[in-house]
Amino acid sequence: GLLEASRALGVVALDARHCVMWSNAKAGELLVPKGAGPVACQSFTDFIGAAGIGSETFRQRLENALRTDETETLSIRRDEDSIRIHIDAPVNGTRLLYLVSTTSELPSAESQSIRHDPLTGLGNRLVYDDIVSAWSAASDASRLAVLTMDLDRFKVVNDTMGIAAGDELLRLVARRLQSVTRGDDVLIRLSGDEFVIIQCSGSQPEGAESAARRAIEILSRPFLMKGQQIHIGASVGIALLSAGEDPQDLLKHSSLGLYAAKGAGGGTFRFFEPALEHRAVAQREMEAALRSAIARRELSLVYQPQVEMETGQVRGFEALVRWERPGRGMVSPIEFIPLAEQIGEIHAIGEWVLRRACEQAMTWPASVMVGVNVSPIQFRNERFPLLVEEVLASTGLPPERLELEITEGVLMDDSDRVIEMLWALRDMGISIAMDDFGTGYSSLSYLNSFPFSKLKIDQAFVRCEQTPRIKKLVASILRLGESMEMRTLAEGVETREQYEELQANGCSQAQGYLISRPMPASDIDTFLQTHSSGARLEQ
């Protein structure tokens, strides 16, 4: 393949002073078959002279070629053949020399181009492999660090401004990163919006941390494109090379650091540590287990009642998905729902939950509704309203008995399209509730534009210490809901005091352990019979 072909070449990397940064074993084999190849920090022309390679004329031509920014090919005569040296144009102060025997085919322009990213002119993964392979065999391997980074909001630019704008942004990013790399550092573009800085010198880990901070800082500054200021930012993962380490393992480690940085909210850096690898293995195992759980129908639903605060009458039940993992016990939805969103299984889970909840709700009294949570990812499927319509038709559940609960994250994803989808659902007669209100991107404009019939006050506001400030905040949310003719429901109600204060402030409905813990569908009939004259609050 191309990678094997590239490793058959002798490769030497020179810095701006024409000193050797690194070289692969093939280069030494071609230049000095029975001696030592070039070493780091040694002038390449001095090495050529000391080894007696080529004539004085050749060495002068080599020196002259290195002083220009042009590509050039030189030849050294030997007894049985000659060596050709292709001198590439410098990139960010680094120059690559490719060596090949004339008994082999000299790399063509096409084969040279496979080592560089055509969009930015930076080296690519093949260059990365050569550099790290050479350093891995060196006695001072621990001086090398790899920083893998990607852009935090690049997809938004691609989606809203077009691919051409995205390409231009990548070129601008490459230039900025080149401006903050130091000395012998090499900048690589791996793919998409992923870049790598190979730090070939400096004290570690301080040098890598400093480089990461410079990269994050300069990419946090706005880019001016088409008269607009574009804000992106970057996250960075760092791994330090160990002697003999495989280049791909090092890249995997820095990528794990990158995932940890993005998991911390982005705009920061994280060093690789073994715990990250253990976590990645555990996540892969959970991914496989979740896919299996969906196929084997290991998921189940429980239902938590919602009551009218004034009368205690059961208004409906919220369907909550549960997963009991064989041999591991219950897995929290906080763990597996984000994972399902990440690996693309949320659509299958969401459809199953919707269908199963509607089927089971058909066995309840006609006055009792069922609430189903919908992930923001599900709204990226433009056919979602049609799916809901089909489920209602096949189960026979009247649309007036279904309430879809969405989080505020839905509102930030192509709001015009989402508004259209929500109105289509509302026009069917379905109720729309905003879940966890007050914890995300709430604004009056959203409430005015979207067809909400209910605001669910997040349990964080109910369970936390009821300071005067929190009480005023909750009261203002309740007044807001009333002024917009929306029902309000408080989640996480656990004490009579909470219940009574919320009721006094005009809250419509309540849900929480004070009323009941979530229950399996088989317990709902008994619960409804016991609470037919109004919910009895738990002691």
Protein backbone atom coordinates (compact mmCIF):
# COMPACT_ATOMS: atom_id res chain seq x y z
CA GLY A 1 0.00 0.00 0.00
CA LEU A 2 0.97 3.66 0.02
CA LEU A 3 2.21 3.49 3.61
CA GLU A 4 4.52 0.55 2.86
CA ALA A 5 5.78 2.32 -0.27
CA SER A 6 6.56 5.44 1.72
CA ARG A 7 8.56 3.44 4.26
CA ALA A 8 10.69 2.02 1.44
CA LEU A 9 12.00 5.55 0.87
CA GLY A 10 14.80 7.15 2.78
CA VAL A 11 13.40 10.22 4.52
CA VAL A 12 15.33 13.00 6.27
CA ALA A 13 13.67 16.01 7.89
CA LEU A 14 15.68 19.24 8.20
CA ASP A 15 14.91 22.35 10.20
CA ALA A 16 15.30 25.93 8.95
CA ARG A 17 19.07 25.77 9.68
CA HIS A 18 19.40 22.61 7.56
CA CYS A 19 20.09 20.52 10.67
CA VAL A 20 18.69 17.00 10.95
CA MET A 21 15.48 16.79 12.96
CA TRP A 22 15.00 13.09 12.32
CA SER A 23 15.61 10.44 9.67
CA ASN A 24 14.36 6.93 9.08
CA ALA A 25 16.50 3.81 8.94
CA LYS A 26 16.24 3.59 5.14
CA ALA A 27 17.96 6.96 4.77
CA GLY A 28 20.99 5.77 6.74
CA GLU A 29 21.05 2.51 4.79
CA LEU A 30 21.13 4.36 1.45
CA LEU A 31 23.66 7.04 2.44
CA VAL A 32 26.07 4.99 4.55
CA PRO A 33 25.45 1.27 3.95
CA LYS A 34 28.08 0.21 6.52
CA GLY A 35 28.06 3.18 8.86
CA ALA A 36 25.86 5.33 11.04
CA GLY A 37 23.20 7.49 9.44
CA PRO A 38 22.57 11.16 10.17
CA VAL A 39 21.79 12.06 13.78
CA ALA A 40 19.50 14.71 15.22
CA CYS A 41 20.86 18.29 15.41
CA GLN A 42 23.70 17.54 12.97
CA SER A 43 24.06 19.74 9.88
CA PHE A 44 23.04 17.58 6.93
CA THR A 45 25.72 19.02 4.65
CA ASP A 46 28.34 18.45 7.38
CA PHE A 47 27.18 14.85 7.64
CA ILE A 48 27.43 14.41 3.87
CA GLY A 49 30.94 15.90 3.88
CA ALA A 50 32.18 13.89 6.88
CA ALA A 51 30.86 10.67 5.37
CA GLY A 52 32.57 11.44 2.07
CA ILE A 53 29.33 11.18 0.16
CA GLY A 54 29.39 12.73 -3.31
CA SER A 55 31.79 15.25 -4.81
CA GLU A 56 32.49 18.80 -3.64
CA THR A 57 30.37 20.02 -6.56
CA PHE A 58 27.46 17.89 -5.38
CA ARG A 59 27.76 19.20 -1.83
CA GLN A 60 27.75 22.80 -3.09
CA ARG A 61 24.67 22.11 -5.22
CA LEU A 62 22.99 20.56 -2.18
CA GLU A 63 23.78 23.62 -0.04
CA ASN A 64 22.48 25.96 -2.75
CA ALA A 65 19.30 23.92 -3.17
CA LEU A 66 18.59 24.05 0.56
CA ARG A 67 18.89 27.86 0.52
CA THR A 68 15.92 28.17 -1.84
CA ASP A 69 12.27 27.31 -1.32
CA GLU A 70 12.07 25.35 -4.57
CA THR A 71 11.84 21.60 -5.03
CA GLU A 72 14.88 19.99 -6.64
CA THR A 73 16.27 16.55 -7.36
CA LEU A 74 20.00 15.76 -7.09
CA SER A 75 21.97 12.57 -7.77
CA ILE A 76 24.98 11.01 -6.03
CA ARG A 77 27.05 8.56 -8.07
CA ARG A 78 28.07 5.28 -6.43
CA ASP A 79 29.87 2.18 -7.68
CA GLU A 80 26.89 0.17 -8.85
CA ASP A 81 24.17 2.78 -8.99
CA SER A 82 23.37 6.25 -7.76
CA ILE A 83 21.15 7.79 -5.11
CA ARG A 84 18.64 10.43 -6.00
CA ILE A 85 17.63 12.99 -3.40
CA HIS A 86 14.33 14.77 -3.91
CA ILE A 87 14.29 18.00 -1.88
CA ASP A 88 10.75 19.03 -1.08
CA ALA A 89 9.64 22.64 -0.58
CA PRO A 90 9.76 23.73 3.08
CA VAL A 91 6.55 23.67 5.10
CA ASN A 92 6.52 25.67 8.34
CA GLY A 93 10.32 25.72 8.38
CA THR A 94 10.58 21.94 7.98
CA ARG A 95 12.02 20.39 4.84
CA LEU A 96 11.72 16.75 3.82
CA LEU A 97 14.33 14.98 1.71
CA TYR A 98 13.37 11.72 -0.01
CA LEU A 99 16.18 9.34 -0.95
CA VAL A 100 15.95 6.44 -3.38
CA SER A 101 18.37 4.21 -5.24
CA THR A 102 18.20 4.40 -9.04
CA THR A 103 17.59 0.66 -9.00
CA SER A 104 14.22 1.66 -7.54
CA GLU A 105 11.72 3.99 -9.10
CA LEU A 106 12.11 7.62 -8.06
CA PRO A 107 8.95 8.86 -6.35
CA SER A 108 6.74 10.57 -8.88
CA ALA A 109 5.03 13.88 -8.32
CA GLU A 110 1.87 11.88 -7.64
CA SER A 111 3.52 9.71 -4.99
CA GLN A 112 5.04 12.81 -3.38
CA SER A 113 1.64 14.44 -3.25
CA ILE A 114 0.23 11.59 -1.19
CA ARG A 115 2.42 12.81 1.68
CA HIS A 116 0.83 16.25 1.77
CA ASP A 117 -2.66 17.55 2.38
CA PRO A 118 -3.76 19.27 -0.85
CA LEU A 119 -6.00 21.75 0.98
CA THR A 120 -3.49 23.21 3.46
CA GLY A 121 -0.12 22.05 2.10
CA LEU A 122 0.68 20.44 5.45
CA GLY A 123 2.14 16.98 5.82
CA ASN A 124 -0.31 14.14 6.33
CA ARG A 125 -0.44 10.83 8.19
CA LEU A 126 2.43 9.35 6.17
CA VAL A 127 4.72 12.16 7.31
CA TYR A 128 3.46 11.64 10.86
CA ASP A 129 4.32 7.93 10.66
CA ASP A 130 7.85 8.61 9.43
CA ILE A 131 8.62 11.21 12.09
CA VAL A 132 7.29 9.20 15.02
CA SER A 133 8.87 5.95 13.78
CA ALA A 134 12.27 7.61 13.61
CA TRP A 135 11.94 9.21 17.05
CA SER A 136 10.60 6.02 18.60
CA ALA A 137 13.93 4.33 17.92
CA ALA A 138 15.94 7.24 19.34
CA SER A 139 17.50 7.25 22.80
CA ASP A 140 15.76 10.52 23.65
CA ALA A 141 12.31 9.43 22.46
CA SER A 142 10.65 10.94 25.52
CA ARG A 143 11.36 14.45 24.18
CA LEU A 144 8.66 13.98 21.54
CA ALA A 145 5.02 14.84 22.21
CA VAL A 146 2.01 14.57 19.94
CA LEU A 147 -0.83 17.05 20.27
CA THR A 148 -4.05 16.05 18.50
CA MET A 149 -6.67 18.77 18.16
CA ASP A 150 -9.95 19.37 16.45
CA LEU A 151 -12.19 22.38 16.11
CA ASP A 152 -15.08 22.67 18.54
CA ARG A 153 -17.69 24.23 16.26
CA PHE A 154 -16.44 23.51 12.75
CA LYS A 155 -19.56 21.55 11.72
CA VAL A 156 -21.72 24.63 12.29
CA VAL A 157 -19.63 26.59 9.76
CA ASN A 158 -19.80 23.77 7.21
CA ASP A 159 -23.55 23.38 7.63
CA THR A 160 -24.48 27.08 7.61
CA MET A 161 -21.91 28.63 5.26
CA GLY A 162 -21.12 25.73 2.93
CA ILE A 163 -18.22 23.37 2.27
CA ALA A 164 -16.16 26.01 0.42
CA ALA A 165 -16.29 28.25 3.50
CA GLY A 166 -15.33 25.27 5.64
CA ASP A 167 -12.29 24.61 3.44
CA GLU A 168 -11.24 28.25 3.65
CA LEU A 169 -11.58 28.13 7.42
CA LEU A 170 -9.31 25.06 7.55
CA ARG A 171 -6.67 26.95 5.55
CA LEU A 172 -6.90 29.88 7.96
CA VAL A 173 -6.62 27.51 10.93
CA ALA A 174 -3.51 25.92 9.41
CA ARG A 175 -1.86 29.34 9.01
CA ARG A 176 -2.64 30.31 12.57
CA LEU A 177 -1.29 27.05 13.94
CA GLN A 178 1.86 27.47 11.85
CA SER A 179 2.36 30.87 13.45
CA VAL A 180 2.47 29.40 16.97
CA THR A 181 4.56 26.28 16.33
CA ARG A 182 8.13 26.61 17.54
CA GLY A 183 11.54 25.40 16.43
CA ASP A 184 11.40 21.83 15.21
CA ASP A 185 7.64 21.37 15.71
CA VAL A 186 5.85 19.81 12.72
CA LEU A 187 2.22 20.57 11.91
CA ILE A 188 0.14 17.80 10.31
CA ARG A 189 -3.43 17.71 9.06
CA LEU A 190 -4.85 14.25 9.63
CA SER A 191 -8.35 14.61 8.19
CA GLY A 192 -11.40 16.82 8.38
CA ASP A 193 -10.88 19.38 11.11
CA GLU A 194 -8.26 17.29 12.95
CA PHE A 195 -4.70 18.61 13.18
CA VAL A 196 -1.59 17.28 14.89
CA ILE A 197 1.44 19.10 16.23
CA ILE A 198 4.50 16.88 16.57
CA GLN A 199 6.72 18.56 19.13
CA CYS A 200 10.22 17.29 18.47
CA SER A 201 12.12 19.20 21.14
CA GLY A 202 11.72 20.84 24.47
CA SER A 203 11.22 19.71 28.03
CA GLN A 204 8.18 17.51 28.54
CA PRO A 205 5.45 17.71 29.63
CA GLU A 206 5.88 21.48 30.04
CA GLY A 207 6.65 22.02 26.35
CA ALA A 208 3.53 20.18 25.20
CA GLU A 209 1.33 22.02 27.69
CA SER A 210 2.70 25.36 26.49
CA ALA A 211 2.08 24.41 22.84
CA ALA A 212 -1.48 23.32 23.65
CA ARG A 213 -2.22 26.61 25.40
CA ARG A 214 -0.86 28.59 22.43
CA ALA A 215 -2.96 26.60 19.95
CA ILE A 216 -6.15 26.92 22.00
CA GLU A 217 -5.62 30.64 22.56
CA ILE A 218 -4.99 31.55 18.93
CA LEU A 219 -7.92 29.46 17.67
CA SER A 220 -10.26 31.05 20.21
CA ARG A 221 -9.85 34.39 18.42
CA PRO A 222 -12.57 35.13 15.86
CA PHE A 223 -12.00 34.48 12.15
CA LEU A 224 -13.26 37.04 9.64
CA MET A 225 -15.01 35.33 6.73
CA LYS A 226 -17.41 36.90 4.24
CA GLY A 227 -17.72 39.92 6.47
CA GLN A 228 -18.71 37.80 9.47
CA GLN A 229 -16.84 37.05 12.66
CA ILE A 230 -16.67 33.27 13.08
CA HIS A 231 -15.95 31.80 16.52
CA ILE A 232 -14.81 28.19 16.73
CA GLY A 233 -12.22 27.21 19.36
CA ALA A 234 -10.34 23.94 19.74
CA SER A 235 -9.74 21.04 22.10
CA VAL A 236 -6.36 19.29 22.43
CA GLY A 237 -5.23 15.85 23.54
CA ILE A 238 -1.57 15.23 24.38
CA ALA A 239 0.49 12.03 24.48
CA LEU A 240 4.21 11.68 25.21
CA LEU A 241 6.26 9.17 23.20
CA SER A 242 7.80 6.15 24.89
CA ALA A 243 10.83 4.39 23.40
CA GLY A 244 9.72 1.79 20.86
CA GLU A 245 6.11 2.96 20.87
CA ASP A 246 4.13 2.41 17.68
CA PRO A 247 3.05 5.64 15.93
CA GLN A 248 -0.56 4.48 15.79
CA ASP A 249 -0.63 3.73 19.52
CA LEU A 250 0.73 7.20 20.23
CA LEU A 251 -1.93 8.76 18.00
CA LYS A 252 -4.62 6.69 19.70
CA HIS A 253 -3.42 7.90 23.10
CA SER A 254 -3.45 11.55 22.09
CA SER A 255 -6.92 11.05 20.61
CA LEU A 256 -8.13 9.66 23.94
CA GLY A 257 -6.78 12.82 25.56
CA LEU A 258 -8.70 14.83 22.95
CA TYR A 259 -11.96 13.02 23.75
CA ALA A 260 -11.39 13.74 27.45
CA ALA A 261 -10.85 17.44 26.67
CA LYS A 262 -14.04 17.59 24.62
CA GLY A 263 -15.88 15.72 27.37
CA ALA A 264 -14.75 18.43 29.79
CA GLY A 265 -16.59 21.00 27.69
CA GLY A 266 -14.01 21.77 24.99
CA GLY A 267 -11.64 24.68 24.70
CA THR A 268 -9.09 22.92 26.90
CA PHE A 269 -6.43 20.17 26.80
CA ARG A 270 -5.92 16.83 28.52
CA PHE A 271 -2.88 14.56 28.73
CA PHE A 272 -3.32 10.88 28.02
CA GLU A 273 -3.31 8.68 31.08
CA PRO A 274 -3.92 4.91 31.31
CA ALA A 275 -7.31 5.46 32.97
CA LEU A 276 -8.54 7.01 29.71
CA GLU A 277 -7.73 3.81 27.85
CA HIS A 278 -9.55 1.73 30.45
CA ARG A 279 -12.51 4.08 30.12
CA ALA A 280 -12.45 3.75 26.32
CA VAL A 281 -12.42 -0.05 26.58
CA ALA A 282 -15.34 0.09 29.02
CA GLN A 283 -17.25 2.38 26.65
CA ARG A 284 -16.68 0.05 23.70
CA GLU A 285 -17.97 -2.83 25.82
CA MET A 286 -21.01 -0.79 26.82
CA GLU A 287 -21.66 0.14 23.18
CA ALA A 288 -21.70 -3.54 22.22
CA ALA A 289 -23.88 -4.39 25.21
CA LEU A 290 -26.35 -1.61 24.39
CA ARG A 291 -26.68 -2.71 20.77
CA SER A 292 -27.26 -6.25 22.03
CA ALA A 293 -29.82 -5.00 24.58
CA ILE A 294 -31.82 -3.32 21.83
CA ALA A 295 -31.74 -6.45 19.68
CA ARG A 296 -32.63 -8.74 22.63
CA ARG A 297 -35.32 -6.41 24.01
CA GLU A 298 -33.59 -6.00 27.37
CA LEU A 299 -34.91 -2.45 27.75
CA SER A 300 -38.05 -1.83 29.77
CA LEU A 301 -40.33 1.04 30.74
CA VAL A 302 -41.41 2.30 34.12
CA TYR A 303 -43.92 5.06 34.71
CA GLN A 304 -44.00 7.92 37.19
CA PRO A 305 -47.36 9.56 37.88
CA GLN A 306 -48.10 13.24 37.40
CA VAL A 307 -50.93 14.73 39.46
CA GLU A 308 -53.04 17.87 39.48
CA MET A 309 -51.90 19.75 42.56
CA GLU A 310 -55.32 21.22 43.32
CA THR A 311 -57.25 17.93 43.30
CA GLY A 312 -54.60 15.23 43.53
CA GLN A 313 -56.10 13.54 40.47
CA VAL A 314 -53.68 11.52 38.35
CA ARG A 315 -53.26 13.46 35.13
CA GLY A 316 -50.81 11.12 33.43
CA PHE A 317 -47.61 9.07 33.63
CA GLU A 318 -44.16 9.84 32.28
CA ALA A 319 -42.56 6.85 30.54
CA LEU A 320 -38.98 6.29 31.68
CA VAL A 321 -36.68 3.81 29.95
CA ARG A 322 -34.62 1.37 32.01
CA TRP A 323 -31.83 -1.04 31.11
CA GLU A 324 -30.83 -3.98 33.27
CA ARG A 325 -27.51 -5.14 31.89
CA PRO A 326 -26.95 -8.88 32.39
CA GLY A 327 -24.33 -9.47 35.05
CA ARG A 328 -23.98 -5.74 35.76
CA GLY A 329 -27.39 -4.66 37.05
CA MET A 330 -29.25 -1.44 36.30
CA VAL A 331 -27.51 1.10 34.06
CA SER A 332 -28.49 4.72 34.61
CA PRO A 333 -30.17 6.49 31.67
CA ILE A 334 -27.69 9.30 32.34
CA GLU A 335 -25.06 6.85 31.06
CA PHE A 336 -26.73 4.98 28.24
CA ILE A 337 -28.96 7.63 26.63
CA PRO A 338 -26.02 9.94 25.70
CA LEU A 339 -24.18 6.84 24.48
CA ALA A 340 -27.17 5.85 22.34
CA GLU A 341 -27.23 9.37 20.88
CA GLN A 342 -23.52 9.16 20.15
CA ILE A 343 -23.59 5.79 18.37
CA GLY A 344 -26.81 6.40 16.45
CA GLU A 345 -29.05 3.98 18.35
CA ILE A 346 -31.30 6.65 19.87
CA HIS A 347 -33.68 6.43 16.90
CA ALA A 348 -34.31 2.73 17.51
CA ILE A 349 -34.67 3.24 21.27
CA GLY A 350 -36.88 6.29 20.81
CA GLU A 351 -39.23 4.51 18.43
CA TRP A 352 -39.49 1.49 20.73
CA VAL A 353 -40.23 3.68 23.77
CA LEU A 354 -42.89 5.65 21.89
CA ARG A 355 -44.61 2.55 20.53
CA ARG A 356 -44.48 0.61 23.80
CA ALA A 357 -45.70 3.56 25.89
CA CYS A 358 -48.64 4.16 23.56
CA GLU A 359 -49.54 0.46 23.61
CA GLN A 360 -49.53 0.33 27.39
CA ALA A 361 -51.39 3.64 27.75
CA MET A 362 -54.26 2.10 25.78
CA THR A 363 -54.97 -0.11 28.84
CA TRP A 364 -55.42 2.92 31.12
CA PRO A 365 -58.51 5.09 31.65
CA ALA A 366 -59.21 7.45 28.76
CA SER A 367 -58.52 10.50 30.92
CA VAL A 368 -54.92 9.50 31.68
CA MET A 369 -52.13 10.77 29.41
CA VAL A 370 -48.68 9.32 28.72
CA GLY A 371 -45.56 11.46 28.47
CA VAL A 372 -42.67 10.34 26.25
CA ASN A 373 -39.23 11.96 26.19
CA VAL A 374 -37.81 12.79 22.76
CA SER A 375 -34.09 13.29 22.15
CA PRO A 376 -32.88 16.30 20.13
CA ILE A 377 -31.24 13.75 17.81
CA GLN A 378 -34.65 12.32 16.91
CA PHE A 379 -35.72 15.73 15.61
CA ARG A 380 -32.95 15.58 13.02
CA ASN A 381 -35.09 13.00 11.25
CA GLU A 382 -37.57 15.06 9.25
CA ARG A 383 -39.91 12.06 9.14
CA PHE A 384 -40.31 12.02 12.92
CA PRO A 385 -43.86 13.51 12.83
CA LEU A 386 -44.85 10.80 10.34
CA LEU A 387 -43.44 8.15 12.68
CA VAL A 388 -45.51 9.53 15.57
CA GLU A 389 -48.61 9.58 13.37
CA GLU A 390 -48.02 5.95 12.34
CA VAL A 391 -47.51 4.82 15.97
CA LEU A 392 -50.74 6.50 17.07
CA ALA A 393 -52.63 4.90 14.19
CA SER A 394 -51.24 1.41 14.83
CA THR A 395 -51.77 1.50 18.61
CA GLY A 396 -55.10 3.33 18.53
CA LEU A 397 -54.04 5.91 21.12
CA PRO A 398 -55.84 9.23 20.61
CA PRO A 399 -53.28 12.00 19.96
CA GLU A 400 -54.81 14.07 22.79
CA ARG A 401 -53.50 11.47 25.26
CA LEU A 402 -49.87 11.75 24.12
CA GLU A 403 -47.48 14.36 25.47
CA LEU A 404 -44.00 14.64 23.96
CA GLU A 405 -41.37 16.04 26.30
CA ILE A 406 -38.44 17.84 24.69
CA THR A 407 -35.40 19.49 26.24
CA GLU A 408 -34.17 22.94 25.40
CA GLY A 409 -31.35 21.43 23.34
CA VAL A 410 -33.88 20.75 20.57
CA LEU A 411 -34.45 24.48 20.23
CA MET A 412 -30.84 25.22 19.32
CA ASP A 413 -30.70 22.82 16.38
CA ASP A 414 -32.07 24.43 13.17
CA SER A 415 -34.94 26.10 15.00
CA ASP A 416 -37.01 26.94 11.89
CA ARG A 417 -37.19 23.29 10.88
CA VAL A 418 -37.88 22.16 14.46
CA ILE A 419 -40.67 24.75 14.82
CA GLU A 420 -42.30 23.35 11.68
CA MET A 421 -42.06 19.78 13.01
CA LEU A 422 -43.44 20.72 16.42
CA TRP A 423 -46.40 22.56 14.91
CA ALA A 424 -47.11 19.51 12.74
CA LEU A 425 -47.24 17.41 15.91
CA ARG A 426 -49.35 19.98 17.75
CA ASP A 427 -51.78 20.14 14.81
CA MET A 428 -52.35 16.39 15.26
CA GLY A 429 -53.61 17.16 18.78
CA ILE A 430 -50.43 16.09 20.60
CA SER A 431 -49.27 18.11 23.62
CA ILE A 432 -45.70 19.43 23.71
CA ALA A 433 -43.93 19.94 27.04
CA MET A 434 -40.62 21.70 27.57
CA ASP A 435 -38.66 19.47 29.95
CA ASP A 436 -36.06 20.67 32.47
CA PHE A 437 -37.05 24.31 31.96
CA GLY A 438 -34.52 26.80 33.29
CA THR A 439 -31.37 24.68 32.92
CA GLY A 440 -30.40 25.43 29.32
CA TYR A 441 -31.09 28.03 26.67
CA SER A 442 -34.49 29.30 27.79
CA SER A 443 -35.64 32.57 26.31
CA LEU A 444 -38.98 34.29 25.88
CA SER A 445 -38.56 34.21 22.10
CA TYR A 446 -38.43 30.39 22.18
CA LEU A 447 -41.52 30.17 24.34
CA ASN A 448 -43.36 32.49 21.99
CA SER A 449 -42.29 30.65 18.81
CA PHE A 450 -42.70 27.03 19.87
CA PRO A 451 -46.10 25.40 20.49
CA PHE A 452 -45.58 24.41 24.11
CA SER A 453 -48.54 23.46 26.27
CA LYS A 454 -46.55 22.77 29.44
CA LEU A 455 -43.38 23.89 31.22
CA LYS A 456 -41.68 21.29 33.42
CA ILE A 457 -39.61 22.98 36.13
CA ASP A 458 -36.35 21.10 36.56
CA GLN A 459 -35.99 19.21 39.82
CA ALA A 460 -32.75 21.07 40.54
CA PHE A 461 -34.84 24.12 41.44
CA VAL A 462 -37.15 22.07 43.65
CA ARG A 463 -34.59 19.98 45.54
CA CYS A 464 -31.93 22.62 46.15
CA GLU A 465 -31.79 24.84 49.22
CA GLN A 466 -34.78 27.15 48.96
CA THR A 467 -33.02 30.47 49.29
CA PRO A 468 -35.05 33.66 48.71
CA ARG A 469 -33.40 33.96 45.30
CA ILE A 470 -34.40 30.42 44.24
CA LYS A 471 -37.94 30.92 45.52
CA LYS A 472 -38.29 34.11 43.48
CA LEU A 473 -36.91 32.37 40.41
CA VAL A 474 -39.38 29.47 40.68
CA ALA A 475 -42.26 31.87 41.32
CA SER A 476 -41.33 33.90 38.24
CA ILE A 477 -41.26 30.76 36.07
CA LEU A 478 -44.70 29.80 37.35
CA ARG A 479 -46.07 33.28 36.61
CA LEU A 480 -44.49 33.13 33.15
CA GLY A 481 -46.23 29.84 32.40
CA GLU A 482 -49.56 31.20 33.61
CA SER A 483 -49.21 34.39 31.54
CA MET A 484 -48.57 32.30 28.41
CA GLU A 485 -51.49 29.98 29.20
CA MET A 486 -49.24 26.96 29.75
CA ARG A 487 -49.62 24.35 32.44
CA THR A 488 -46.65 24.06 34.80
CA LEU A 489 -45.30 20.89 36.38
CA ALA A 490 -42.68 20.67 39.12
CA GLU A 491 -40.34 17.67 38.94
CA GLY A 492 -38.60 16.05 41.89
CA VAL A 493 -41.18 16.94 44.55
CA GLU A 494 -40.18 14.97 47.65
CA THR A 495 -41.67 16.77 50.66
CA ARG A 496 -45.05 18.16 51.67
CA GLU A 497 -43.40 21.54 52.23
CA GLN A 498 -42.22 21.65 48.60
CA TYR A 499 -45.64 20.56 47.37
CA GLU A 500 -47.53 23.15 49.37
CA GLU A 501 -45.23 26.03 48.46
CA LEU A 502 -45.37 25.20 44.76
CA GLN A 503 -49.15 24.91 44.94
CA ALA A 504 -49.38 28.26 46.71
CA ASN A 505 -47.36 29.84 43.89
CA GLY A 506 -49.76 28.54 41.26
CA CYS A 507 -48.01 25.38 40.00
CA SER A 508 -50.47 23.18 38.08
CA GLN A 509 -49.01 19.70 38.45
CA ALA A 510 -46.40 17.77 40.42
CA GLN A 511 -44.25 14.70 39.94
CA GLY A 512 -41.81 13.10 42.35
CA TYR A 513 -41.21 10.58 45.12
CA LEU A 514 -43.73 12.32 47.40
CA ILE A 515 -46.43 11.06 45.04
CA SER A 516 -44.81 7.83 43.88
CA ARG A 517 -41.60 6.32 42.64
CA PRO A 518 -41.57 5.08 39.03
CA MET A 519 -43.48 1.79 38.71
CA PRO A 520 -43.78 -1.00 36.13
CA ALA A 521 -46.83 -1.00 33.89
CA SER A 522 -48.25 -3.96 35.82
CA ASP A 523 -48.66 -1.79 38.95
CA ILE A 524 -50.52 1.08 37.29
CA ASP A 525 -54.05 -0.36 37.58
CA THR A 526 -53.62 -0.88 41.32
CA PHE A 527 -52.15 2.59 41.73
CA LEU A 528 -55.06 4.19 39.87
CA GLN A 529 -57.63 2.26 41.92
CA THR A 530 -55.94 3.27 45.17
CA HIS A 531 -55.78 6.91 44.08
CA SER A 532 -59.12 7.16 42.30
CA SER A 533 -60.23 10.02 44.55
CA GLY A 534 -56.90 11.82 44.37
CA ALA A 535 -53.24 11.01 44.96
CA ARG A 536 -52.24 10.15 48.50
CA LEU A 537 -48.89 11.68 49.29
CA GLU A 538 -46.09 9.41 50.48
CA GLN A 539 -45.07 9.88 54.08
